Each structure stands twice: as C-alpha cells, then as structure tokens.
Amino acid sequence: MSEKKFQVGAKALIVEDGAVLLLRSRYSSGAPYWDLPGGRYQEGDKNIVSCLVREVTEELPGIADITVKTLVSCGRMPRDFSDGTGLFGVFYKVTATLPRPLQLTDEHHGHEWMTIDEVKRLYDDPSRTMPFDEVFYNACIEALKK
C-alpha cells in the first residue's frame, strides 16, 4: 500500500465582537464555497505560523498587527486535490487590525462576520448552496466559544 501524500494548510480564525470572519471563494469550476483566511505551506516558509501570517497578509490587504494566538483545531479536509494529494488543515485564533471597509484580493469575492448561532445555522441548513466543511465548522465553533 502506498503512502498518501498531504499538503498542510493554515487558517486564521479572526473573531471580533463575537463573530468569526468567513470569506466567499470559488473553486476552479466556478462553484462557490466558504473559506477562512489562510493557505498552504510553501517552500520558504520558516514554519506554519510564518505560513499563516504570509497567507493572511496576501489575502487581506491592509491587515496589520497580526498575532497568531492558540491552535484551536486541526484535521484532514474532506476533499483531495485533482492529483489525489490530501490537505491537512491547522486552525489558529488570530488577532489583527483590519482595515474598514475590509479589503479582499481577487481570490475571494465577499465576506461575512458570523456569530456562533449563524455558523450553526449555516452548517445545519440543508438548502445552503455553498459548501461549509465540518472541519471548518468545528474550528469556527471552538474559536467562538473561547
């Protein structure tokens, strides 16, 4: 049996006033999905925290005073890349100063601040049109509890 290959991704749980920042994104097929700021570990990243800071800085122009706090959750993402490589995500609580209005790159096409009740409703809604993975859901709930 061959070993499965994985990439590692780091995601930021930015919580303000009892709500977590969720981003709207699109797969290459054009289908929308919910995301969190962050991305995959790349050659040149010193560690997973430097990866997360780099990704958050790239995705949220104007962000400042980024502090990576506690590791909230981690887990295997449910979908693999087209080459069969899996993705393992680590989710950190992050504090930062965000510009108002919030600025996004072309990688995302919108955002929502969601409370714990809104995250629960989003996850439980059978008619939702944008995927929201269980791993993301659990990380958001844990971050909002603390």
N, C-alpha and C. Protein backbone atom coordinates (compact mmCIF):
# COMPACT_ATOMS: atom_id res chain seq x y z
N MET A 1 0.84 -1.18 0.00
CA MET A 1 0.00 0.00 0.00
C MET A 1 0.89 1.25 0.00
N SER A 2 0.65 2.16 -0.92
CA SER A 2 1.45 3.37 -0.98
C SER A 2 0.94 4.40 0.03
N GLU A 3 1.87 5.21 0.48
CA GLU A 3 1.50 6.24 1.45
C GLU A 3 0.80 7.39 0.74
N LYS A 4 -0.24 7.92 1.37
CA LYS A 4 -0.94 9.08 0.83
C LYS A 4 -0.11 10.33 1.10
N LYS A 5 -0.07 11.21 0.14
CA LYS A 5 0.65 12.47 0.29
C LYS A 5 -0.33 13.55 0.72
N PHE A 6 0.16 14.44 1.58
CA PHE A 6 -0.65 15.55 2.08
C PHE A 6 0.11 16.85 1.96
N GLN A 7 -0.65 17.92 1.76
CA GLN A 7 -0.13 19.26 1.95
C GLN A 7 -0.71 19.76 3.27
N VAL A 8 -0.07 20.77 3.84
CA VAL A 8 -0.55 21.35 5.09
C VAL A 8 -0.99 22.77 4.82
N GLY A 9 -2.15 23.12 5.34
CA GLY A 9 -2.68 24.47 5.22
C GLY A 9 -2.93 25.06 6.59
N ALA A 10 -2.77 26.36 6.71
CA ALA A 10 -3.03 27.07 7.96
C ALA A 10 -4.15 28.08 7.72
N LYS A 11 -5.11 28.12 8.63
CA LYS A 11 -6.25 29.02 8.51
C LYS A 11 -6.38 29.88 9.76
N ALA A 12 -6.80 31.13 9.55
CA ALA A 12 -6.94 32.10 10.63
C ALA A 12 -8.40 32.22 11.05
N LEU A 13 -8.62 32.09 12.34
CA LEU A 13 -9.93 32.33 12.93
C LEU A 13 -9.86 33.71 13.57
N ILE A 14 -10.33 34.70 12.82
CA ILE A 14 -10.32 36.09 13.29
C ILE A 14 -11.70 36.37 13.87
N VAL A 15 -11.75 36.62 15.17
CA VAL A 15 -13.01 36.84 15.87
C VAL A 15 -13.04 38.28 16.38
N GLU A 16 -14.12 38.99 16.03
CA GLU A 16 -14.35 40.34 16.54
C GLU A 16 -15.79 40.44 16.99
N ASP A 17 -15.99 41.00 18.16
CA ASP A 17 -17.34 41.23 18.69
C ASP A 17 -18.21 39.97 18.62
N GLY A 18 -17.63 38.83 18.94
CA GLY A 18 -18.38 37.58 18.98
C GLY A 18 -18.73 36.99 17.63
N ALA A 19 -18.03 37.41 16.58
CA ALA A 19 -18.29 36.88 15.24
C ALA A 19 -16.96 36.53 14.57
N VAL A 20 -16.98 35.45 13.77
CA VAL A 20 -15.78 34.99 13.05
C VAL A 20 -15.87 35.45 11.59
N LEU A 21 -14.73 35.79 11.02
CA LEU A 21 -14.66 36.23 9.64
C LEU A 21 -14.63 35.03 8.70
N LEU A 22 -15.65 34.93 7.83
CA LEU A 22 -15.70 33.92 6.78
C LEU A 22 -15.61 34.61 5.43
N LEU A 23 -14.91 33.98 4.50
CA LEU A 23 -14.73 34.54 3.17
C LEU A 23 -15.47 33.70 2.14
N ARG A 24 -16.00 34.37 1.12
CA ARG A 24 -16.61 33.66 0.00
C ARG A 24 -15.53 33.46 -1.06
N SER A 25 -15.44 32.23 -1.55
CA SER A 25 -14.44 31.92 -2.56
C SER A 25 -15.07 31.05 -3.63
N ARG A 26 -14.28 30.70 -4.65
CA ARG A 26 -14.78 29.85 -5.73
C ARG A 26 -13.74 28.79 -6.08
N TYR A 27 -14.24 27.57 -6.34
CA TYR A 27 -13.38 26.53 -6.89
C TYR A 27 -13.04 26.89 -8.32
N SER A 28 -12.06 26.21 -8.91
CA SER A 28 -11.70 26.48 -10.30
C SER A 28 -12.89 26.23 -11.24
N SER A 29 -13.83 25.40 -10.81
CA SER A 29 -15.04 25.15 -11.62
C SER A 29 -16.01 26.33 -11.58
N GLY A 30 -15.77 27.26 -10.66
CA GLY A 30 -16.68 28.40 -10.50
C GLY A 30 -17.67 28.23 -9.37
N ALA A 31 -17.78 27.05 -8.82
CA ALA A 31 -18.71 26.80 -7.71
C ALA A 31 -18.23 27.53 -6.45
N PRO A 32 -19.14 28.20 -5.75
CA PRO A 32 -18.75 28.95 -4.55
C PRO A 32 -18.59 28.05 -3.33
N TYR A 33 -17.80 28.52 -2.37
CA TYR A 33 -17.67 27.84 -1.08
C TYR A 33 -17.22 28.84 -0.02
N TRP A 34 -17.44 28.49 1.24
CA TRP A 34 -16.99 29.30 2.37
C TRP A 34 -15.55 28.96 2.69
N ASP A 35 -14.78 29.97 3.06
CA ASP A 35 -13.36 29.79 3.36
C ASP A 35 -12.99 30.64 4.56
N LEU A 36 -11.81 30.43 5.05
CA LEU A 36 -11.20 31.26 6.09
C LEU A 36 -9.90 31.82 5.54
N PRO A 37 -9.46 32.96 6.03
CA PRO A 37 -8.17 33.48 5.56
C PRO A 37 -7.05 32.48 5.86
N GLY A 38 -6.15 32.32 4.92
CA GLY A 38 -5.02 31.41 5.10
C GLY A 38 -4.75 30.62 3.85
N GLY A 39 -3.82 29.69 3.93
CA GLY A 39 -3.49 28.90 2.76
C GLY A 39 -2.44 27.85 3.07
N ARG A 40 -1.84 27.33 2.00
CA ARG A 40 -0.94 26.19 2.12
C ARG A 40 0.51 26.59 2.40
N TYR A 41 1.16 25.72 3.13
CA TYR A 41 2.58 25.84 3.43
C TYR A 41 3.36 25.78 2.12
N GLN A 42 4.31 26.69 1.96
CA GLN A 42 5.12 26.74 0.74
C GLN A 42 6.60 26.69 1.09
N GLU A 43 7.38 26.27 0.11
CA GLU A 43 8.84 26.32 0.24
C GLU A 43 9.22 27.75 0.62
N GLY A 44 10.08 27.91 1.61
CA GLY A 44 10.48 29.23 2.06
C GLY A 44 9.79 29.67 3.34
N ASP A 45 8.64 29.08 3.66
CA ASP A 45 8.01 29.38 4.95
C ASP A 45 8.86 28.77 6.05
N LYS A 46 9.17 29.57 7.08
CA LYS A 46 10.00 29.06 8.17
C LYS A 46 9.28 28.02 9.02
N ASN A 47 8.00 28.22 9.19
CA ASN A 47 7.18 27.31 9.99
C ASN A 47 5.72 27.59 9.66
N ILE A 48 4.81 26.87 10.30
CA ILE A 48 3.39 27.01 9.97
C ILE A 48 2.85 28.37 10.36
N VAL A 49 3.39 28.98 11.40
CA VAL A 49 2.93 30.31 11.81
C VAL A 49 3.36 31.35 10.79
N SER A 50 4.59 31.26 10.28
CA SER A 50 5.02 32.22 9.26
C SER A 50 4.20 32.02 7.98
N CYS A 51 3.84 30.77 7.69
CA CYS A 51 2.95 30.49 6.54
C CYS A 51 1.62 31.21 6.72
N LEU A 52 1.04 31.10 7.90
CA LEU A 52 -0.25 31.72 8.16
C LEU A 52 -0.18 33.24 8.05
N VAL A 53 0.83 33.83 8.62
CA VAL A 53 0.99 35.29 8.54
C VAL A 53 1.15 35.72 7.09
N ARG A 54 1.96 35.00 6.31
CA ARG A 54 2.15 35.33 4.89
C ARG A 54 0.83 35.26 4.15
N GLU A 55 0.09 34.18 4.34
CA GLU A 55 -1.18 34.00 3.62
C GLU A 55 -2.21 35.05 4.01
N VAL A 56 -2.35 35.33 5.29
CA VAL A 56 -3.33 36.32 5.75
C VAL A 56 -2.97 37.71 5.20
N THR A 57 -1.68 38.02 5.19
CA THR A 57 -1.23 39.31 4.65
C THR A 57 -1.53 39.41 3.15
N GLU A 58 -1.37 38.30 2.42
CA GLU A 58 -1.67 38.28 0.99
C GLU A 58 -3.16 38.44 0.72
N GLU A 59 -3.99 37.77 1.52
CA GLU A 59 -5.43 37.71 1.25
C GLU A 59 -6.23 38.89 1.79
N LEU A 60 -5.70 39.57 2.80
CA LEU A 60 -6.42 40.68 3.42
C LEU A 60 -5.54 41.93 3.38
N PRO A 61 -5.50 42.61 2.23
CA PRO A 61 -4.65 43.80 2.10
C PRO A 61 -4.97 44.83 3.18
N GLY A 62 -3.92 45.40 3.74
CA GLY A 62 -4.11 46.43 4.76
C GLY A 62 -4.17 45.89 6.18
N ILE A 63 -4.18 44.58 6.34
CA ILE A 63 -4.20 44.00 7.68
C ILE A 63 -2.90 44.36 8.40
N ALA A 64 -3.00 44.59 9.71
CA ALA A 64 -1.82 44.99 10.48
C ALA A 64 -1.88 44.32 11.86
N ASP A 65 -0.77 44.39 12.55
CA ASP A 65 -0.70 43.90 13.94
C ASP A 65 -1.19 42.46 14.07
N ILE A 66 -0.75 41.59 13.18
CA ILE A 66 -1.19 40.19 13.19
C ILE A 66 -0.49 39.45 14.33
N THR A 67 -1.29 38.82 15.18
CA THR A 67 -0.77 37.99 16.25
C THR A 67 -1.44 36.63 16.18
N VAL A 68 -0.64 35.60 15.96
CA VAL A 68 -1.16 34.23 15.93
C VAL A 68 -1.20 33.74 17.37
N LYS A 69 -2.40 33.42 17.81
CA LYS A 69 -2.62 33.02 19.21
C LYS A 69 -2.58 31.49 19.33
N THR A 70 -3.65 30.90 19.80
CA THR A 70 -3.66 29.47 20.11
C THR A 70 -4.10 28.62 18.93
N LEU A 71 -3.58 27.41 18.91
CA LEU A 71 -4.06 26.40 17.97
C LEU A 71 -5.43 25.96 18.46
N VAL A 72 -6.44 26.12 17.62
CA VAL A 72 -7.82 25.83 18.01
C VAL A 72 -8.22 24.43 17.59
N SER A 73 -7.82 24.03 16.39
CA SER A 73 -8.28 22.76 15.83
C SER A 73 -7.37 22.37 14.69
N CYS A 74 -7.45 21.10 14.31
CA CYS A 74 -6.76 20.63 13.12
C CYS A 74 -7.48 19.39 12.61
N GLY A 75 -7.31 19.11 11.34
CA GLY A 75 -7.96 17.94 10.78
C GLY A 75 -7.77 17.83 9.29
N ARG A 76 -8.07 16.64 8.79
CA ARG A 76 -7.97 16.36 7.36
C ARG A 76 -9.18 16.96 6.66
N MET A 77 -8.92 17.69 5.60
CA MET A 77 -10.00 18.27 4.81
C MET A 77 -10.65 17.16 3.99
N PRO A 78 -11.96 17.24 3.76
CA PRO A 78 -12.68 16.13 3.14
C PRO A 78 -12.42 15.91 1.65
N ARG A 79 -11.94 16.93 0.95
CA ARG A 79 -11.72 16.78 -0.48
C ARG A 79 -10.22 16.76 -0.78
N ASP A 80 -9.84 15.95 -1.77
CA ASP A 80 -8.45 15.89 -2.22
C ASP A 80 -8.27 16.78 -3.44
N PHE A 81 -7.02 17.12 -3.72
CA PHE A 81 -6.70 17.83 -4.95
C PHE A 81 -6.84 16.86 -6.12
N SER A 82 -6.85 17.38 -7.32
CA SER A 82 -7.08 16.54 -8.51
C SER A 82 -6.02 15.45 -8.68
N ASP A 83 -4.82 15.66 -8.13
CA ASP A 83 -3.77 14.64 -8.23
C ASP A 83 -3.84 13.60 -7.11
N GLY A 84 -4.86 13.70 -6.25
CA GLY A 84 -5.03 12.75 -5.16
C GLY A 84 -4.37 13.16 -3.86
N THR A 85 -3.62 14.25 -3.88
CA THR A 85 -2.99 14.74 -2.66
C THR A 85 -4.05 15.25 -1.70
N GLY A 86 -3.91 14.89 -0.43
CA GLY A 86 -4.84 15.36 0.58
C GLY A 86 -4.39 16.69 1.18
N LEU A 87 -5.25 17.27 1.99
CA LEU A 87 -4.93 18.52 2.67
C LEU A 87 -5.26 18.37 4.15
N PHE A 88 -4.29 18.72 4.97
CA PHE A 88 -4.47 18.71 6.42
C PHE A 88 -4.43 20.16 6.88
N GLY A 89 -5.48 20.59 7.56
CA GLY A 89 -5.59 21.98 7.98
C GLY A 89 -5.35 22.18 9.45
N VAL A 90 -4.65 23.26 9.78
CA VAL A 90 -4.48 23.69 11.17
C VAL A 90 -5.12 25.07 11.30
N PHE A 91 -5.87 25.25 12.36
CA PHE A 91 -6.68 26.45 12.55
C PHE A 91 -6.24 27.17 13.82
N TYR A 92 -5.80 28.41 13.64
CA TYR A 92 -5.31 29.22 14.76
C TYR A 92 -6.23 30.41 14.99
N LYS A 93 -6.42 30.74 16.26
CA LYS A 93 -7.07 32.01 16.58
C LYS A 93 -6.05 33.11 16.32
N VAL A 94 -6.49 34.16 15.65
CA VAL A 94 -5.60 35.24 15.24
C VAL A 94 -6.25 36.57 15.61
N THR A 95 -5.45 37.49 16.14
CA THR A 95 -5.92 38.85 16.34
C THR A 95 -5.17 39.74 15.35
N ALA A 96 -5.83 40.78 14.91
CA ALA A 96 -5.23 41.69 13.93
C ALA A 96 -6.05 42.97 13.86
N THR A 97 -5.47 43.98 13.28
CA THR A 97 -6.19 45.20 12.97
C THR A 97 -6.56 45.14 11.50
N LEU A 98 -7.85 45.16 11.23
CA LEU A 98 -8.33 45.06 9.85
C LEU A 98 -8.76 46.43 9.35
N PRO A 99 -8.50 46.72 8.07
CA PRO A 99 -8.96 48.00 7.52
C PRO A 99 -10.48 48.01 7.42
N ARG A 100 -11.06 49.17 7.51
CA ARG A 100 -12.50 49.35 7.31
C ARG A 100 -12.70 50.30 6.15
N PRO A 101 -13.41 49.92 5.11
CA PRO A 101 -14.02 48.61 4.94
C PRO A 101 -12.96 47.54 4.68
N LEU A 102 -13.33 46.29 4.95
CA LEU A 102 -12.43 45.17 4.75
C LEU A 102 -12.07 45.05 3.27
N GLN A 103 -10.80 44.87 2.99
CA GLN A 103 -10.34 44.72 1.61
C GLN A 103 -10.00 43.25 1.35
N LEU A 104 -10.37 42.77 0.17
CA LEU A 104 -10.08 41.40 -0.24
C LEU A 104 -9.35 41.41 -1.58
N THR A 105 -8.59 40.36 -1.83
CA THR A 105 -7.97 40.20 -3.14
C THR A 105 -8.96 39.51 -4.06
N ASP A 106 -8.56 39.30 -5.31
CA ASP A 106 -9.43 38.61 -6.28
C ASP A 106 -9.68 37.15 -5.91
N GLU A 107 -8.91 36.63 -4.96
CA GLU A 107 -9.07 35.24 -4.54
C GLU A 107 -10.42 35.01 -3.85
N HIS A 108 -10.97 36.06 -3.27
CA HIS A 108 -12.26 35.98 -2.57
C HIS A 108 -13.20 37.04 -3.12
N HIS A 109 -14.49 36.75 -3.08
CA HIS A 109 -15.45 37.69 -3.66
C HIS A 109 -16.50 38.18 -2.66
N GLY A 110 -16.20 38.08 -1.39
CA GLY A 110 -17.09 38.60 -0.37
C GLY A 110 -16.72 38.04 0.99
N HIS A 111 -17.37 38.57 2.01
CA HIS A 111 -17.10 38.10 3.37
C HIS A 111 -18.35 38.28 4.23
N GLU A 112 -18.36 37.58 5.33
CA GLU A 112 -19.43 37.70 6.34
C GLU A 112 -18.78 37.55 7.71
N TRP A 113 -19.27 38.31 8.67
CA TRP A 113 -18.94 38.09 10.06
C TRP A 113 -20.09 37.28 10.64
N MET A 114 -19.82 36.09 11.19
CA MET A 114 -20.89 35.23 11.67
C MET A 114 -20.70 34.88 13.14
N THR A 115 -21.79 35.00 13.89
CA THR A 115 -21.81 34.60 15.30
C THR A 115 -21.90 33.08 15.38
N ILE A 116 -21.79 32.56 16.59
CA ILE A 116 -21.86 31.11 16.77
C ILE A 116 -23.21 30.56 16.29
N ASP A 117 -24.29 31.29 16.56
CA ASP A 117 -25.61 30.83 16.11
C ASP A 117 -25.72 30.86 14.59
N GLU A 118 -25.14 31.87 13.96
CA GLU A 118 -25.17 31.95 12.49
C GLU A 118 -24.33 30.83 11.85
N VAL A 119 -23.19 30.52 12.46
CA VAL A 119 -22.35 29.42 11.96
C VAL A 119 -23.11 28.11 12.08
N LYS A 120 -23.77 27.90 13.21
CA LYS A 120 -24.55 26.67 13.40
C LYS A 120 -25.68 26.57 12.38
N ARG A 121 -26.40 27.68 12.15
CA ARG A 121 -27.48 27.67 11.16
C ARG A 121 -26.95 27.40 9.76
N LEU A 122 -25.83 28.01 9.42
CA LEU A 122 -25.21 27.80 8.11
C LEU A 122 -24.89 26.31 7.92
N TYR A 123 -24.27 25.72 8.91
CA TYR A 123 -23.86 24.32 8.80
C TYR A 123 -25.07 23.38 8.74
N ASP A 124 -26.09 23.69 9.51
CA ASP A 124 -27.27 22.82 9.59
C ASP A 124 -28.27 23.01 8.46
N ASP A 125 -28.11 24.06 7.66
CA ASP A 125 -29.07 24.39 6.61
C ASP A 125 -28.91 23.44 5.41
N PRO A 126 -29.88 22.54 5.20
CA PRO A 126 -29.76 21.60 4.07
C PRO A 126 -29.87 22.27 2.71
N SER A 127 -30.37 23.50 2.67
CA SER A 127 -30.54 24.19 1.39
C SER A 127 -29.35 25.10 1.05
N ARG A 128 -28.32 25.10 1.91
CA ARG A 128 -27.20 26.00 1.62
C ARG A 128 -26.59 25.64 0.28
N THR A 129 -26.20 26.65 -0.45
CA THR A 129 -25.67 26.44 -1.79
C THR A 129 -24.15 26.49 -1.82
N MET A 130 -23.54 26.90 -0.71
CA MET A 130 -22.08 26.98 -0.64
C MET A 130 -21.58 25.97 0.38
N PRO A 131 -20.68 25.06 0.00
CA PRO A 131 -20.15 24.09 0.96
C PRO A 131 -19.49 24.76 2.17
N PHE A 132 -19.65 24.13 3.31
CA PHE A 132 -19.04 24.57 4.55
C PHE A 132 -18.62 23.30 5.28
N ASP A 133 -17.35 22.93 5.17
CA ASP A 133 -16.86 21.65 5.66
C ASP A 133 -16.95 21.53 7.17
N GLU A 134 -17.12 20.29 7.63
CA GLU A 134 -17.22 20.01 9.06
C GLU A 134 -15.97 20.45 9.81
N VAL A 135 -14.80 20.30 9.20
CA VAL A 135 -13.55 20.71 9.84
C VAL A 135 -13.57 22.22 10.09
N PHE A 136 -14.02 23.00 9.09
CA PHE A 136 -14.14 24.46 9.25
C PHE A 136 -15.17 24.78 10.32
N TYR A 137 -16.31 24.10 10.26
CA TYR A 137 -17.39 24.33 11.23
C TYR A 137 -16.88 24.14 12.66
N ASN A 138 -16.23 22.99 12.91
CA ASN A 138 -15.75 22.71 14.26
C ASN A 138 -14.73 23.76 14.72
N ALA A 139 -13.85 24.18 13.84
CA ALA A 139 -12.86 25.20 14.20
C ALA A 139 -13.54 26.53 14.54
N CYS A 140 -14.52 26.93 13.74
CA CYS A 140 -15.24 28.18 13.99
C CYS A 140 -15.97 28.13 15.32
N ILE A 141 -16.64 27.03 15.60
CA ILE A 141 -17.38 26.89 16.85
C ILE A 141 -16.42 26.98 18.05
N GLU A 142 -15.30 26.27 17.96
CA GLU A 142 -14.32 26.31 19.07
C GLU A 142 -13.77 27.72 19.28
N ALA A 143 -13.47 28.42 18.20
CA ALA A 143 -12.93 29.78 18.32
C ALA A 143 -13.95 30.73 18.92
N LEU A 144 -15.21 30.55 18.57
CA LEU A 144 -16.27 31.43 19.08
C LEU A 144 -16.63 31.12 20.53
N LYS A 145 -16.34 29.93 21.00
CA LYS A 145 -16.63 29.56 22.40
C LYS A 145 -15.64 30.21 23.35
N LYS A 146 -14.43 30.44 22.89
CA LYS A 146 -13.34 30.90 23.77
C LYS A 146 -13.38 32.39 23.97
